[in-house]
N, C-alpha and C. Protein backbone atom coordinates (compact mmCIF):
# COMPACT_ATOMS: atom_id res chain seq x y z
N MET A 1 6.96 8.71 0.34
CA MET A 1 6.84 7.44 1.02
C MET A 1 6.01 6.51 0.15
N ASN A 2 6.34 5.26 0.16
CA ASN A 2 5.66 4.23 -0.61
C ASN A 2 5.19 3.13 0.34
N TYR A 3 4.00 2.61 0.07
CA TYR A 3 3.41 1.58 0.90
C TYR A 3 3.00 0.41 0.03
N LEU A 4 3.29 -0.80 0.47
CA LEU A 4 2.83 -2.02 -0.18
C LEU A 4 1.79 -2.64 0.74
N ILE A 5 0.54 -2.58 0.32
CA ILE A 5 -0.58 -3.03 1.15
C ILE A 5 -1.16 -4.29 0.53
N LEU A 6 -1.19 -5.35 1.32
CA LEU A 6 -1.54 -6.67 0.81
C LEU A 6 -2.97 -7.11 1.12
N THR A 7 -3.57 -6.57 2.18
CA THR A 7 -4.88 -7.05 2.63
C THR A 7 -5.81 -5.88 2.93
N ARG A 8 -7.08 -6.19 3.04
CA ARG A 8 -8.06 -5.16 3.41
C ARG A 8 -7.75 -4.64 4.82
N ALA A 9 -7.37 -5.53 5.72
CA ALA A 9 -7.02 -5.11 7.07
C ALA A 9 -5.84 -4.13 7.04
N GLY A 10 -4.88 -4.39 6.16
CA GLY A 10 -3.75 -3.48 6.02
C GLY A 10 -4.17 -2.13 5.49
N LEU A 11 -5.09 -2.10 4.54
CA LEU A 11 -5.60 -0.83 4.01
C LEU A 11 -6.35 -0.07 5.09
N ASP A 12 -7.17 -0.76 5.86
CA ASP A 12 -7.91 -0.11 6.95
C ASP A 12 -6.95 0.46 7.99
N ASP A 13 -5.90 -0.28 8.31
CA ASP A 13 -4.90 0.19 9.27
C ASP A 13 -4.18 1.43 8.73
N PHE A 14 -3.80 1.38 7.47
CA PHE A 14 -3.16 2.53 6.83
C PHE A 14 -4.07 3.75 6.91
N ALA A 15 -5.34 3.59 6.54
CA ALA A 15 -6.29 4.71 6.55
C ALA A 15 -6.49 5.26 7.96
N ALA A 16 -6.52 4.38 8.95
CA ALA A 16 -6.76 4.82 10.33
C ALA A 16 -5.57 5.55 10.92
N HIS A 17 -4.35 5.17 10.52
CA HIS A 17 -3.16 5.73 11.16
C HIS A 17 -2.41 6.77 10.33
N ALA A 18 -2.60 6.76 9.03
CA ALA A 18 -1.79 7.63 8.18
C ALA A 18 -2.30 9.07 8.19
N GLY A 19 -3.59 9.28 8.11
CA GLY A 19 -4.12 10.63 8.08
C GLY A 19 -3.86 11.29 6.73
N ALA A 20 -4.62 12.29 6.41
CA ALA A 20 -4.55 12.94 5.09
C ALA A 20 -3.18 13.56 4.81
N THR A 21 -2.52 14.10 5.82
CA THR A 21 -1.23 14.75 5.56
C THR A 21 -0.17 13.75 5.18
N VAL A 22 -0.25 12.54 5.71
CA VAL A 22 0.73 11.52 5.36
C VAL A 22 0.46 11.00 3.96
N ARG A 23 -0.79 10.87 3.57
CA ARG A 23 -1.13 10.32 2.27
C ARG A 23 -0.79 11.26 1.13
N THR A 24 -0.71 12.56 1.38
CA THR A 24 -0.40 13.50 0.32
C THR A 24 1.00 13.23 -0.21
N GLY A 25 1.09 12.92 -1.50
CA GLY A 25 2.38 12.70 -2.13
C GLY A 25 2.94 11.30 -2.00
N VAL A 26 2.22 10.39 -1.36
CA VAL A 26 2.73 9.02 -1.23
C VAL A 26 2.20 8.16 -2.36
N THR A 27 2.83 7.01 -2.56
CA THR A 27 2.34 6.02 -3.51
C THR A 27 1.93 4.78 -2.73
N VAL A 28 0.73 4.31 -3.01
CA VAL A 28 0.19 3.13 -2.36
C VAL A 28 0.08 2.03 -3.42
N HIS A 29 0.79 0.94 -3.20
CA HIS A 29 0.74 -0.22 -4.09
C HIS A 29 -0.19 -1.23 -3.43
N LEU A 30 -1.25 -1.61 -4.15
CA LEU A 30 -2.29 -2.46 -3.57
C LEU A 30 -2.40 -3.80 -4.29
N ASN A 31 -2.58 -4.85 -3.51
CA ASN A 31 -2.94 -6.14 -4.08
C ASN A 31 -4.29 -5.98 -4.79
N PRO A 32 -4.51 -6.71 -5.89
CA PRO A 32 -5.81 -6.64 -6.55
C PRO A 32 -6.92 -7.09 -5.60
N GLY A 33 -8.04 -6.39 -5.67
CA GLY A 33 -9.21 -6.76 -4.86
C GLY A 33 -9.20 -6.24 -3.44
N VAL A 34 -8.13 -5.59 -3.02
CA VAL A 34 -8.04 -5.08 -1.65
C VAL A 34 -8.93 -3.85 -1.47
N ALA A 35 -8.98 -3.01 -2.47
CA ALA A 35 -9.71 -1.75 -2.37
C ALA A 35 -10.77 -1.66 -3.44
N GLY A 36 -11.91 -1.09 -3.06
CA GLY A 36 -12.96 -0.82 -4.03
C GLY A 36 -12.72 0.52 -4.71
N ALA A 37 -13.53 0.81 -5.68
CA ALA A 37 -13.40 2.06 -6.43
C ALA A 37 -13.51 3.28 -5.51
N ASP A 38 -14.39 3.22 -4.51
CA ASP A 38 -14.53 4.35 -3.58
C ASP A 38 -13.27 4.54 -2.74
N ASP A 39 -12.65 3.44 -2.31
CA ASP A 39 -11.41 3.52 -1.53
C ASP A 39 -10.30 4.15 -2.37
N ILE A 40 -10.19 3.71 -3.60
CA ILE A 40 -9.14 4.22 -4.49
C ILE A 40 -9.38 5.70 -4.76
N ALA A 41 -10.63 6.07 -5.01
CA ALA A 41 -10.95 7.48 -5.25
C ALA A 41 -10.62 8.34 -4.04
N ALA A 42 -10.90 7.83 -2.84
CA ALA A 42 -10.60 8.60 -1.62
C ALA A 42 -9.10 8.78 -1.44
N LEU A 43 -8.31 7.74 -1.70
CA LEU A 43 -6.85 7.86 -1.60
C LEU A 43 -6.32 8.89 -2.60
N ARG A 44 -6.82 8.81 -3.82
CA ARG A 44 -6.39 9.76 -4.85
C ARG A 44 -6.81 11.18 -4.50
N ALA A 45 -8.01 11.34 -3.96
CA ALA A 45 -8.48 12.68 -3.56
C ALA A 45 -7.61 13.27 -2.45
N ALA A 46 -7.04 12.39 -1.62
CA ALA A 46 -6.17 12.84 -0.54
C ALA A 46 -4.76 13.14 -1.03
N GLY A 47 -4.49 12.87 -2.32
CA GLY A 47 -3.18 13.19 -2.87
C GLY A 47 -2.29 12.00 -3.14
N ALA A 48 -2.75 10.80 -2.83
CA ALA A 48 -1.92 9.61 -3.04
C ALA A 48 -1.97 9.15 -4.50
N THR A 49 -0.87 8.59 -4.94
CA THR A 49 -0.84 7.87 -6.20
C THR A 49 -1.15 6.42 -5.85
N VAL A 50 -2.10 5.83 -6.56
CA VAL A 50 -2.50 4.45 -6.29
C VAL A 50 -2.08 3.57 -7.46
N GLU A 51 -1.33 2.53 -7.16
CA GLU A 51 -0.90 1.56 -8.16
C GLU A 51 -1.45 0.21 -7.76
N LEU A 52 -2.14 -0.45 -8.70
CA LEU A 52 -2.66 -1.80 -8.44
C LEU A 52 -1.65 -2.81 -8.98
N LEU A 53 -1.29 -3.77 -8.14
CA LEU A 53 -0.36 -4.81 -8.57
C LEU A 53 -1.02 -5.70 -9.61
N GLU A 54 -0.24 -6.24 -10.50
CA GLU A 54 -0.78 -7.11 -11.55
C GLU A 54 -1.32 -8.41 -10.99
N MET A 55 -0.66 -8.95 -9.97
CA MET A 55 -1.13 -10.17 -9.33
C MET A 55 -0.94 -10.06 -7.82
N ALA A 56 -1.78 -10.77 -7.10
CA ALA A 56 -1.74 -10.69 -5.64
C ALA A 56 -0.46 -11.32 -5.08
N LEU A 57 0.09 -10.65 -4.08
CA LEU A 57 1.27 -11.15 -3.39
C LEU A 57 0.88 -11.66 -2.01
N THR A 58 1.56 -12.71 -1.56
CA THR A 58 1.40 -13.17 -0.18
C THR A 58 2.40 -12.42 0.68
N TYR A 59 2.26 -12.56 1.98
CA TYR A 59 3.25 -11.95 2.87
C TYR A 59 4.65 -12.47 2.54
N ALA A 60 4.76 -13.77 2.28
CA ALA A 60 6.06 -14.38 2.01
C ALA A 60 6.68 -13.82 0.73
N GLU A 61 5.88 -13.48 -0.24
CA GLU A 61 6.40 -12.97 -1.51
C GLU A 61 6.69 -11.48 -1.49
N ALA A 62 6.13 -10.76 -0.55
CA ALA A 62 6.18 -9.30 -0.56
C ALA A 62 7.60 -8.74 -0.47
N ALA A 63 8.42 -9.26 0.41
CA ALA A 63 9.77 -8.71 0.59
C ALA A 63 10.59 -8.87 -0.68
N GLU A 64 10.51 -10.02 -1.31
CA GLU A 64 11.26 -10.23 -2.54
C GLU A 64 10.71 -9.36 -3.68
N ALA A 65 9.40 -9.27 -3.77
CA ALA A 65 8.77 -8.49 -4.83
C ALA A 65 9.04 -6.99 -4.68
N ALA A 66 9.33 -6.57 -3.47
CA ALA A 66 9.57 -5.15 -3.21
C ALA A 66 10.71 -4.60 -4.06
N PHE A 67 11.66 -5.43 -4.39
CA PHE A 67 12.78 -4.97 -5.21
C PHE A 67 12.34 -4.59 -6.61
N ALA A 68 11.23 -5.14 -7.08
CA ALA A 68 10.74 -4.87 -8.43
C ALA A 68 9.75 -3.72 -8.49
N ILE A 69 9.33 -3.20 -7.34
CA ILE A 69 8.36 -2.11 -7.33
C ILE A 69 9.10 -0.80 -7.62
N PRO A 70 8.70 -0.12 -8.71
CA PRO A 70 9.40 1.12 -9.06
C PRO A 70 9.15 2.22 -8.04
N ARG A 71 10.21 2.92 -7.72
CA ARG A 71 10.12 4.08 -6.82
C ARG A 71 11.37 4.92 -7.01
N PRO A 72 11.31 6.18 -6.63
CA PRO A 72 12.49 7.05 -6.79
C PRO A 72 13.69 6.53 -6.00
N ALA A 73 14.86 6.82 -6.49
CA ALA A 73 16.09 6.42 -5.80
C ALA A 73 16.06 6.93 -4.36
N GLY A 74 16.38 6.05 -3.44
CA GLY A 74 16.44 6.41 -2.03
C GLY A 74 15.10 6.42 -1.32
N ALA A 75 14.00 6.17 -2.04
CA ALA A 75 12.68 6.21 -1.41
C ALA A 75 12.45 4.93 -0.59
N THR A 76 11.83 5.10 0.55
CA THR A 76 11.50 3.99 1.44
C THR A 76 10.22 3.31 0.99
N LEU A 77 10.16 2.00 1.13
CA LEU A 77 8.94 1.24 0.85
C LEU A 77 8.55 0.52 2.13
N TRP A 78 7.37 0.84 2.67
CA TRP A 78 6.84 0.16 3.83
C TRP A 78 6.03 -1.02 3.35
N ILE A 79 6.25 -2.20 3.91
CA ILE A 79 5.58 -3.42 3.50
C ILE A 79 4.69 -3.90 4.64
N GLU A 80 3.42 -4.15 4.34
CA GLU A 80 2.51 -4.69 5.34
C GLU A 80 3.02 -6.06 5.79
N ALA A 81 3.12 -6.23 7.09
CA ALA A 81 3.56 -7.50 7.67
C ALA A 81 2.34 -8.27 8.18
N PRO A 82 2.48 -9.58 8.30
CA PRO A 82 1.34 -10.34 8.84
C PRO A 82 1.08 -9.96 10.29
N PRO A 83 -0.14 -10.19 10.75
CA PRO A 83 -0.45 -9.88 12.14
C PRO A 83 0.46 -10.68 13.08
N ALA A 84 0.80 -10.07 14.21
CA ALA A 84 1.62 -10.75 15.20
C ALA A 84 0.83 -11.91 15.81
N PRO A 85 1.52 -12.99 16.15
CA PRO A 85 0.83 -14.11 16.79
C PRO A 85 0.26 -13.69 18.14
N ARG A 86 -0.81 -14.33 18.51
CA ARG A 86 -1.45 -14.01 19.81
C ARG A 86 -1.05 -14.99 20.85
């Protein structure tokens, strides 16, 4: 499984809901500045591959940019969506 995480809130949500078993063997693509060194180390210790994007993506750019993110054939990419309106 592959995840495109754009914001700190998205990373926190991923960490809260994914659990260590889900993170094992997944690839997490992060916007620059979203995660600190400790966050990245924790993801890697849990078995995740962490890739930092070269430049930050907005929500609007994420869907189009997803086509350029390398991943194995047939692999799913989950993209962080903006928060729902209240």
